[in-house]
Amino acid sequence: MLKKLLFLMLLLPWCSALFGEDNLQFDKANQLYHNKRFDSAAVLYEQMIRDGYCHADLYYNAGNAYYRINKIGLAIWCYEKALQSKEEKNYRDNLVLARKRIKEPILQVDDIFFIRWWKSMYQALSVNGWAIGAMVFFLIGIGLLFYRKFRAGLSTIFHRLMFSFSIVFLCFSLIRAYQDQYHYRAVVIVPETMFTSSLKAEPVMLSEGIVVEYEGISKTGILVKLPDGRKGSIDAKSIRKL
């Protein structure tokens, strides 16, 4: 993991540079959508997503296509992904509309305030964002260190402060990478997904579109935490990672 993060520090983040508004497949999918061929449009959008394209407009358009064909789980996943790339009112509004169509929603139970504060801290930037920040502060520190050699009397506190910021950003990058890998959020995309509680209660059916948090692997699938705090296992194929 550390090697991966160090590699990310040397590269600017980018999502499939081949993607653009002039992409023929994207234009074709948009045309299908405008012609109300929502199923066909969704297939093309999904193929582009699986091919590695991650543009916010692609997720948004795919979400609209899935919403039109009543695949609410996939629509919510797409809107969530679009908002991860860029905060946009249209994305947020459509996500709210899609959530209203969840058959049996589960009320969110908020974490304790200091847990919310901690999550907001490391989630402020992506893994790439924290890593790039660490690289920038490190390079500024190196620059100040060399500049100090040519200008006597310059305080050492500045480059030390930059190196300290670099270490802090790198630590947050590692924390964010760990959380993304072992405690990521996911959307239920299969209607009527069976959830078996870890408290040995009767199994219940989850509606598609519910966002869960990955907790680990179980004998029957994967362990997840529901928005109301309940923990249990579901089929790994029934969710899609955000």
C-alpha atoms as a PDB file:
ATOM      1  CA  MET A   1       0.000   0.000   0.000  1.00  0.00           C
ATOM      2  CA  LEU A   2       2.834   2.386   0.862  1.00  0.00           C
ATOM      3  CA  LYS A   3       4.468   1.863  -2.540  1.00  0.00           C
ATOM      4  CA  LYS A   4       1.163   2.653  -4.218  1.00  0.00           C
ATOM      5  CA  LEU A   5       0.766   5.861  -2.232  1.00  0.00           C
ATOM      6  CA  LEU A   6       4.328   6.957  -2.995  1.00  0.00           C
ATOM      7  CA  PHE A   7       3.631   6.324  -6.669  1.00  0.00           C
ATOM      8  CA  LEU A   8       0.465   8.420  -6.474  1.00  0.00           C
ATOM      9  CA  MET A   9       2.480  11.250  -4.962  1.00  0.00           C
ATOM     10  CA  LEU A  10       4.533  11.391  -8.165  1.00  0.00           C
ATOM     11  CA  LEU A  11       1.542  11.580 -10.488  1.00  0.00           C
ATOM     12  CA  LEU A  12      -1.390  13.910 -10.768  1.00  0.00           C
ATOM     13  CA  PRO A  13      -4.699  12.088 -10.390  1.00  0.00           C
ATOM     14  CA  TRP A  14      -6.608  11.581 -13.571  1.00  0.00           C
ATOM     15  CA  CYS A  15      -9.521   9.454 -14.682  1.00  0.00           C
ATOM     16  CA  SER A  16      -9.069   7.978 -18.106  1.00  0.00           C
ATOM     17  CA  ALA A  17      -7.710  10.858 -20.161  1.00  0.00           C
ATOM     18  CA  LEU A  18      -9.330   9.447 -23.273  1.00  0.00           C
ATOM     19  CA  PHE A  19     -12.751  10.491 -21.979  1.00  0.00           C
ATOM     20  CA  GLY A  20     -14.327  13.638 -23.321  1.00  0.00           C
ATOM     21  CA  GLU A  21     -17.578  15.033 -24.619  1.00  0.00           C
ATOM     22  CA  ASP A  22     -16.522  14.122 -28.136  1.00  0.00           C
ATOM     23  CA  ASN A  23     -16.241  10.442 -27.232  1.00  0.00           C
ATOM     24  CA  LEU A  24     -18.329   8.592 -29.800  1.00  0.00           C
ATOM     25  CA  GLN A  25     -19.723   6.018 -27.390  1.00  0.00           C
ATOM     26  CA  PHE A  26     -20.723   8.700 -24.897  1.00  0.00           C
ATOM     27  CA  ASP A  27     -22.425  10.734 -27.638  1.00  0.00           C
ATOM     28  CA  LYS A  28     -24.202   7.626 -28.888  1.00  0.00           C
ATOM     29  CA  ALA A  29     -25.455   6.811 -25.381  1.00  0.00           C
ATOM     30  CA  ASN A  30     -26.680  10.401 -24.968  1.00  0.00           C
ATOM     31  CA  GLN A  31     -28.519  10.196 -28.276  1.00  0.00           C
ATOM     32  CA  LEU A  32     -30.178   6.943 -27.227  1.00  0.00           C
ATOM     33  CA  TYR A  33     -31.260   8.599 -23.993  1.00  0.00           C
ATOM     34  CA  HIS A  34     -32.746  11.579 -25.817  1.00  0.00           C
ATOM     35  CA  ASN A  35     -34.605   9.144 -28.068  1.00  0.00           C
ATOM     36  CA  LYS A  36     -36.057   7.565 -24.893  1.00  0.00           C
ATOM     37  CA  ARG A  37     -34.217   4.298 -25.442  1.00  0.00           C
ATOM     38  CA  PHE A  38     -33.189   4.277 -21.806  1.00  0.00           C
ATOM     39  CA  ASP A  39     -32.277   0.582 -21.598  1.00  0.00           C
ATOM     40  CA  SER A  40     -29.841   0.829 -24.513  1.00  0.00           C
ATOM     41  CA  ALA A  41     -28.377   4.063 -23.168  1.00  0.00           C
ATOM     42  CA  ALA A  42     -27.836   2.487 -19.743  1.00  0.00           C
ATOM     43  CA  VAL A  43     -25.980  -0.432 -21.342  1.00  0.00           C
ATOM     44  CA  LEU A  44     -23.540   1.909 -23.100  1.00  0.00           C
ATOM     45  CA  TYR A  45     -23.030   4.091 -20.045  1.00  0.00           C
ATOM     46  CA  GLU A  46     -22.375   0.989 -17.940  1.00  0.00           C
ATOM     47  CA  GLN A  47     -19.863  -0.312 -20.469  1.00  0.00           C
ATOM     48  CA  MET A  48     -17.927   2.947 -20.302  1.00  0.00           C
ATOM     49  CA  ILE A  49     -17.922   2.834 -16.491  1.00  0.00           C
ATOM     50  CA  ARG A  50     -16.626  -0.736 -16.549  1.00  0.00           C
ATOM     51  CA  ASP A  51     -13.955   0.324 -19.063  1.00  0.00           C
ATOM     52  CA  GLY A  52     -12.586   2.745 -16.479  1.00  0.00           C
ATOM     53  CA  TYR A  53     -14.109   6.099 -17.399  1.00  0.00           C
ATOM     54  CA  CYS A  54     -15.003   8.116 -14.295  1.00  0.00           C
ATOM     55  CA  HIS A  55     -16.247  11.497 -15.452  1.00  0.00           C
ATOM     56  CA  ALA A  56     -18.969  13.076 -13.273  1.00  0.00           C
ATOM     57  CA  ASP A  57     -21.261  13.679 -16.257  1.00  0.00           C
ATOM     58  CA  LEU A  58     -20.995  10.024 -17.246  1.00  0.00           C
ATOM     59  CA  TYR A  59     -22.146   8.900 -13.792  1.00  0.00           C
ATOM     60  CA  TYR A  60     -24.926  11.498 -13.795  1.00  0.00           C
ATOM     61  CA  ASN A  61     -26.254  10.496 -17.225  1.00  0.00           C
ATOM     62  CA  ALA A  62     -26.027   6.815 -16.317  1.00  0.00           C
ATOM     63  CA  GLY A  63     -27.948   7.520 -13.125  1.00  0.00           C
ATOM     64  CA  ASN A  64     -30.685   9.244 -15.114  1.00  0.00           C
ATOM     65  CA  ALA A  65     -30.941   6.268 -17.477  1.00  0.00           C
ATOM     66  CA  TYR A  66     -31.149   3.788 -14.600  1.00  0.00           C
ATOM     67  CA  TYR A  67     -33.727   5.975 -12.857  1.00  0.00           C
ATOM     68  CA  ARG A  68     -35.877   5.925 -15.990  1.00  0.00           C
ATOM     69  CA  ILE A  69     -35.867   2.120 -16.124  1.00  0.00           C
ATOM     70  CA  ASN A  70     -36.560   1.862 -12.383  1.00  0.00           C
ATOM     71  CA  LYS A  71     -33.173   0.442 -11.371  1.00  0.00           C
ATOM     72  CA  ILE A  72     -33.048   2.626  -8.282  1.00  0.00           C
ATOM     73  CA  GLY A  73     -30.048   0.965  -6.668  1.00  0.00           C
ATOM     74  CA  LEU A  74     -27.832   1.554  -9.686  1.00  0.00           C
ATOM     75  CA  ALA A  75     -29.236   5.083 -10.113  1.00  0.00           C
ATOM     76  CA  ILE A  76     -28.319   5.971  -6.529  1.00  0.00           C
ATOM     77  CA  TRP A  77     -24.867   4.449  -6.983  1.00  0.00           C
ATOM     78  CA  CYS A  78     -24.297   6.578 -10.082  1.00  0.00           C
ATOM     79  CA  TYR A  79     -25.471   9.804  -8.429  1.00  0.00           C
ATOM     80  CA  GLU A  80     -23.263   9.101  -5.409  1.00  0.00           C
ATOM     81  CA  LYS A  81     -20.272   8.531  -7.713  1.00  0.00           C
ATOM     82  CA  ALA A  82     -21.024  11.755  -9.590  1.00  0.00           C
ATOM     83  CA  LEU A  83     -21.040  13.675  -6.302  1.00  0.00           C
ATOM     84  CA  GLN A  84     -17.732  12.086  -5.330  1.00  0.00           C
ATOM     85  CA  SER A  85     -16.237  13.621  -8.468  1.00  0.00           C
ATOM     86  CA  LYS A  86     -17.948  16.996  -8.261  1.00  0.00           C
ATOM     87  CA  GLU A  87     -20.534  18.686  -6.060  1.00  0.00           C
ATOM     88  CA  GLU A  88     -23.382  19.785  -8.313  1.00  0.00           C
ATOM     89  CA  LYS A  89     -26.942  20.803  -7.475  1.00  0.00           C
ATOM     90  CA  ASN A  90     -28.444  18.628 -10.222  1.00  0.00           C
ATOM     91  CA  TYR A  91     -26.584  15.579  -8.934  1.00  0.00           C
ATOM     92  CA  ARG A  92     -27.728  16.226  -5.370  1.00  0.00           C
ATOM     93  CA  ASP A  93     -31.346  16.886  -6.379  1.00  0.00           C
ATOM     94  CA  ASN A  94     -31.581  13.709  -8.458  1.00  0.00           C
ATOM     95  CA  LEU A  95     -30.043  11.685  -5.647  1.00  0.00           C
ATOM     96  CA  VAL A  96     -32.764  12.974  -3.300  1.00  0.00           C
ATOM     97  CA  LEU A  97     -35.441  12.012  -5.850  1.00  0.00           C
ATOM     98  CA  ALA A  98     -33.964   8.535  -6.280  1.00  0.00           C
ATOM     99  CA  ARG A  99     -33.821   7.956  -2.526  1.00  0.00           C
ATOM    100  CA  LYS A 100     -37.523   8.726  -2.285  1.00  0.00           C
ATOM    101  CA  ARG A 101     -38.182   5.688  -4.484  1.00  0.00           C
ATOM    102  CA  ILE A 102     -36.503   3.223  -2.125  1.00  0.00           C
ATOM    103  CA  LYS A 103     -39.320   0.847  -1.198  1.00  0.00           C
ATOM    104  CA  GLU A 104     -38.397   0.382   2.451  1.00  0.00           C
ATOM    105  CA  PRO A 105     -35.798   2.995   3.453  1.00  0.00           C
ATOM    106  CA  ILE A 106     -33.816   2.666   6.667  1.00  0.00           C
ATOM    107  CA  LEU A 107     -33.418   5.742   8.833  1.00  0.00           C
ATOM    108  CA  GLN A 108     -29.866   6.914   9.342  1.00  0.00           C
ATOM    109  CA  VAL A 109     -28.553   6.878  12.901  1.00  0.00           C
ATOM    110  CA  ASP A 110     -25.845   9.518  13.280  1.00  0.00           C
ATOM    111  CA  ASP A 111     -22.475   8.643  14.755  1.00  0.00           C
ATOM    112  CA  ILE A 112     -21.244  10.237  17.969  1.00  0.00           C
ATOM    113  CA  PHE A 113     -20.034  13.788  17.314  1.00  0.00           C
ATOM    114  CA  PHE A 114     -16.300  13.047  17.641  1.00  0.00           C
ATOM    115  CA  ILE A 115     -16.604  10.118  15.225  1.00  0.00           C
ATOM    116  CA  ARG A 116     -18.375  12.417  12.732  1.00  0.00           C
ATOM    117  CA  TRP A 117     -15.614  14.974  13.237  1.00  0.00           C
ATOM    118  CA  TRP A 118     -12.887  12.379  12.649  1.00  0.00           C
ATOM    119  CA  LYS A 119     -14.576  11.044   9.507  1.00  0.00           C
ATOM    120  CA  SER A 120     -15.013  14.543   8.144  1.00  0.00           C
ATOM    121  CA  MET A 121     -11.289  15.104   8.681  1.00  0.00           C
ATOM    122  CA  TYR A 122      -9.893  12.205   6.663  1.00  0.00           C
ATOM    123  CA  GLN A 123     -12.732  12.283   4.117  1.00  0.00           C
ATOM    124  CA  ALA A 124     -12.040  15.922   3.278  1.00  0.00           C
ATOM    125  CA  LEU A 125      -9.735  14.731   0.480  1.00  0.00           C
ATOM    126  CA  SER A 126      -9.313  11.539  -1.515  1.00  0.00           C
ATOM    127  CA  VAL A 127      -6.265   9.282  -1.204  1.00  0.00           C
ATOM    128  CA  ASN A 128      -4.806  11.060  -4.234  1.00  0.00           C
ATOM    129  CA  GLY A 129      -5.622  14.462  -2.782  1.00  0.00           C
ATOM    130  CA  TRP A 130      -3.858  13.791   0.526  1.00  0.00           C
ATOM    131  CA  ALA A 131      -0.889  12.242  -1.312  1.00  0.00           C
ATOM    132  CA  ILE A 132      -0.561  15.199  -3.686  1.00  0.00           C
ATOM    133  CA  GLY A 133      -0.767  17.613  -0.758  1.00  0.00           C
ATOM    134  CA  ALA A 134       2.024  15.683   0.955  1.00  0.00           C
ATOM    135  CA  MET A 135       4.134  15.910  -2.203  1.00  0.00           C
ATOM    136  CA  VAL A 136       3.494  19.660  -2.598  1.00  0.00           C
ATOM    137  CA  PHE A 137       4.465  20.470   0.996  1.00  0.00           C
ATOM    138  CA  PHE A 138       7.525  18.225   0.712  1.00  0.00           C
ATOM    139  CA  LEU A 139       8.699  20.003  -2.458  1.00  0.00           C
ATOM    140  CA  ILE A 140       8.109  23.413  -0.859  1.00  0.00           C
ATOM    141  CA  GLY A 141      10.149  22.275   2.143  1.00  0.00           C
ATOM    142  CA  ILE A 142      12.987  21.132  -0.121  1.00  0.00           C
ATOM    143  CA  GLY A 143      12.854  24.454  -1.961  1.00  0.00           C
ATOM    144  CA  LEU A 144      13.037  26.439   1.271  1.00  0.00           C
ATOM    145  CA  LEU A 145      15.888  24.273   2.482  1.00  0.00           C
ATOM    146  CA  PHE A 146      17.956  25.024  -0.624  1.00  0.00           C
ATOM    147  CA  TYR A 147      16.958  28.701  -0.549  1.00  0.00           C
ATOM    148  CA  ARG A 148      18.204  28.954   3.017  1.00  0.00           C
ATOM    149  CA  LYS A 149      21.703  28.003   1.858  1.00  0.00           C
ATOM    150  CA  PHE A 150      21.847  31.118  -0.337  1.00  0.00           C
ATOM    151  CA  ARG A 151      20.246  33.482   2.138  1.00  0.00           C
ATOM    152  CA  ALA A 152      21.786  33.595   5.543  1.00  0.00           C
ATOM    153  CA  GLY A 153      19.557  34.252   8.492  1.00  0.00           C
ATOM    154  CA  LEU A 154      16.422  32.639   7.062  1.00  0.00           C
ATOM    155  CA  SER A 155      14.656  30.793   9.865  1.00  0.00           C
ATOM    156  CA  THR A 156      14.562  27.002   9.747  1.00  0.00           C
ATOM    157  CA  ILE A 157      11.008  26.965  11.043  1.00  0.00           C
ATOM    158  CA  PHE A 158       9.487  27.399   7.576  1.00  0.00           C
ATOM    159  CA  HIS A 159      10.910  24.323   5.885  1.00  0.00           C
ATOM    160  CA  ARG A 160      10.390  22.268   9.043  1.00  0.00           C
ATOM    161  CA  LEU A 161       6.764  23.337   9.064  1.00  0.00           C
ATOM    162  CA  MET A 162       6.405  22.284   5.422  1.00  0.00           C
ATOM    163  CA  PHE A 163       7.936  18.875   6.161  1.00  0.00           C
ATOM    164  CA  SER A 164       5.578  18.492   9.126  1.00  0.00           C
ATOM    165  CA  PHE A 165       2.580  19.252   6.919  1.00  0.00           C
ATOM    166  CA  SER A 166       3.890  16.732   4.403  1.00  0.00           C
ATOM    167  CA  ILE A 167       4.029  14.004   7.055  1.00  0.00           C
ATOM    168  CA  VAL A 168       0.525  14.866   8.301  1.00  0.00           C
ATOM    169  CA  PHE A 169      -0.909  14.718   4.774  1.00  0.00           C
ATOM    170  CA  LEU A 170       0.849  11.426   4.112  1.00  0.00           C
ATOM    171  CA  CYS A 171      -0.603   9.975   7.323  1.00  0.00           C
ATOM    172  CA  PHE A 172      -4.100  11.048   6.305  1.00  0.00           C
ATOM    173  CA  SER A 173      -3.523   9.524   2.879  1.00  0.00           C
ATOM    174  CA  LEU A 174      -2.676   6.188   4.532  1.00  0.00           C
ATOM    175  CA  ILE A 175      -5.703   6.445   6.826  1.00  0.00           C
ATOM    176  CA  ARG A 176      -8.011   7.253   3.906  1.00  0.00           C
ATOM    177  CA  ALA A 177      -6.583   4.357   1.870  1.00  0.00           C
ATOM    178  CA  TYR A 178      -7.146   1.964   4.765  1.00  0.00           C
ATOM    179  CA  GLN A 179     -10.710   3.162   5.302  1.00  0.00           C
ATOM    180  CA  ASP A 180     -11.514   2.950   1.578  1.00  0.00           C
ATOM    181  CA  GLN A 181     -10.264  -0.622   1.449  1.00  0.00           C
ATOM    182  CA  TYR A 182     -11.662  -2.039   4.680  1.00  0.00           C
ATOM    183  CA  HIS A 183     -14.586   0.215   5.664  1.00  0.00           C
ATOM    184  CA  TYR A 184     -15.950   1.442   2.374  1.00  0.00           C
ATOM    185  CA  ARG A 185     -19.556   2.375   1.631  1.00  0.00           C
ATOM    186  CA  ALA A 186     -21.606   0.443  -0.912  1.00  0.00           C
ATOM    187  CA  VAL A 187     -25.083   0.558  -2.424  1.00  0.00           C
ATOM    188  CA  VAL A 188     -27.491  -2.377  -2.503  1.00  0.00           C
ATOM    189  CA  ILE A 189     -28.236  -2.829  -6.217  1.00  0.00           C
ATOM    190  CA  VAL A 190     -30.285  -6.056  -6.125  1.00  0.00           C
ATOM    191  CA  PRO A 191     -33.998  -5.823  -5.206  1.00  0.00           C
ATOM    192  CA  GLU A 192     -35.064  -7.825  -2.160  1.00  0.00           C
ATOM    193  CA  THR A 193     -31.588  -8.620  -0.844  1.00  0.00           C
ATOM    194  CA  MET A 194     -31.577 -10.918   2.187  1.00  0.00           C
ATOM    195  CA  PHE A 195     -29.890  -9.532   5.284  1.00  0.00           C
ATOM    196  CA  THR A 196     -29.039 -11.930   8.113  1.00  0.00           C
ATOM    197  CA  SER A 197     -28.464 -10.124  11.397  1.00  0.00           C
ATOM    198  CA  SER A 198     -25.426 -10.992  13.488  1.00  0.00           C
ATOM    199  CA  LEU A 199     -27.768 -11.023  16.514  1.00  0.00           C
ATOM    200  CA  LYS A 200     -29.457 -14.160  15.132  1.00  0.00           C
ATOM    201  CA  ALA A 201     -32.707 -12.309  14.495  1.00  0.00           C
ATOM    202  CA  GLU A 202     -35.012 -13.258  11.649  1.00  0.00           C
ATOM    203  CA  PRO A 203     -33.570 -12.427   8.193  1.00  0.00           C
ATOM    204  CA  VAL A 204     -35.020  -9.329   6.557  1.00  0.00           C
ATOM    205  CA  MET A 205     -35.133  -8.120   2.972  1.00  0.00           C
ATOM    206  CA  LEU A 206     -33.261  -4.964   2.037  1.00  0.00           C
ATOM    207  CA  SER A 207     -34.572  -2.699  -0.692  1.00  0.00           C
ATOM    208  CA  GLU A 208     -32.233  -1.674  -3.476  1.00  0.00           C
ATOM    209  CA  GLY A 209     -30.697   1.754  -3.034  1.00  0.00           C
ATOM    210  CA  ILE A 210     -29.838   1.416   0.656  1.00  0.00           C
ATOM    211  CA  VAL A 211     -26.268   2.459   1.443  1.00  0.00           C
ATOM    212  CA  VAL A 212     -24.356   0.077   3.701  1.00  0.00           C
ATOM    213  CA  GLU A 213     -20.863   0.057   5.173  1.00  0.00           C
ATOM    214  CA  TYR A 214     -18.539  -2.878   4.553  1.00  0.00           C
ATOM    215  CA  GLU A 215     -17.323  -4.538   7.754  1.00  0.00           C
ATOM    216  CA  GLY A 216     -15.584  -7.734   6.630  1.00  0.00           C
ATOM    217  CA  ILE A 217     -16.140 -11.239   5.290  1.00  0.00           C
ATOM    218  CA  SER A 218     -18.539 -13.813   6.703  1.00  0.00           C
ATOM    219  CA  LYS A 219     -19.157 -17.493   5.983  1.00  0.00           C
ATOM    220  CA  THR A 220     -22.249 -16.705   3.938  1.00  0.00           C
ATOM    221  CA  GLY A 221     -21.093 -13.523   2.202  1.00  0.00           C
ATOM    222  CA  ILE A 222     -19.870 -10.214   3.561  1.00  0.00           C
ATOM    223  CA  LEU A 223     -20.509  -8.351   6.798  1.00  0.00           C
ATOM    224  CA  VAL A 224     -22.116  -4.933   6.501  1.00  0.00           C
ATOM    225  CA  LYS A 225     -23.524  -2.243   8.784  1.00  0.00           C
ATOM    226  CA  LEU A 226     -26.911  -0.767   7.948  1.00  0.00           C
ATOM    227  CA  PRO A 227     -27.708   2.948   8.301  1.00  0.00           C
ATOM    228  CA  ASP A 228     -29.491   2.239  11.602  1.00  0.00           C
ATOM    229  CA  GLY A 229     -26.422   0.511  13.057  1.00  0.00           C
ATOM    230  CA  ARG A 230     -27.499  -3.127  12.646  1.00  0.00           C
ATOM    231  CA  LYS A 231     -24.754  -5.507  11.515  1.00  0.00           C
ATOM    232  CA  GLY A 232     -25.121  -8.725   9.569  1.00  0.00           C
ATOM    233  CA  SER A 233     -24.276 -10.538   6.354  1.00  0.00           C
ATOM    234  CA  ILE A 234     -25.520 -10.254   2.790  1.00  0.00           C
ATOM    235  CA  ASP A 235     -24.533 -11.658  -0.591  1.00  0.00           C
ATOM    236  CA  ALA A 236     -21.399  -9.937  -1.906  1.00  0.00           C
ATOM    237  CA  LYS A 237     -22.939  -9.688  -5.398  1.00  0.00           C
ATOM    238  CA  SER A 238     -25.855  -7.635  -4.099  1.00  0.00           C
ATOM    239  CA  ILE A 239     -23.826  -4.466  -3.459  1.00  0.00           C
ATOM    240  CA  ARG A 240     -21.616  -2.143  -5.480  1.00  0.00           C
ATOM    241  CA  LYS A 241     -18.738  -0.290  -3.863  1.00  0.00           C
ATOM    242  CA  LEU A 242     -18.764   3.501  -3.885  1.00  0.00           C
END
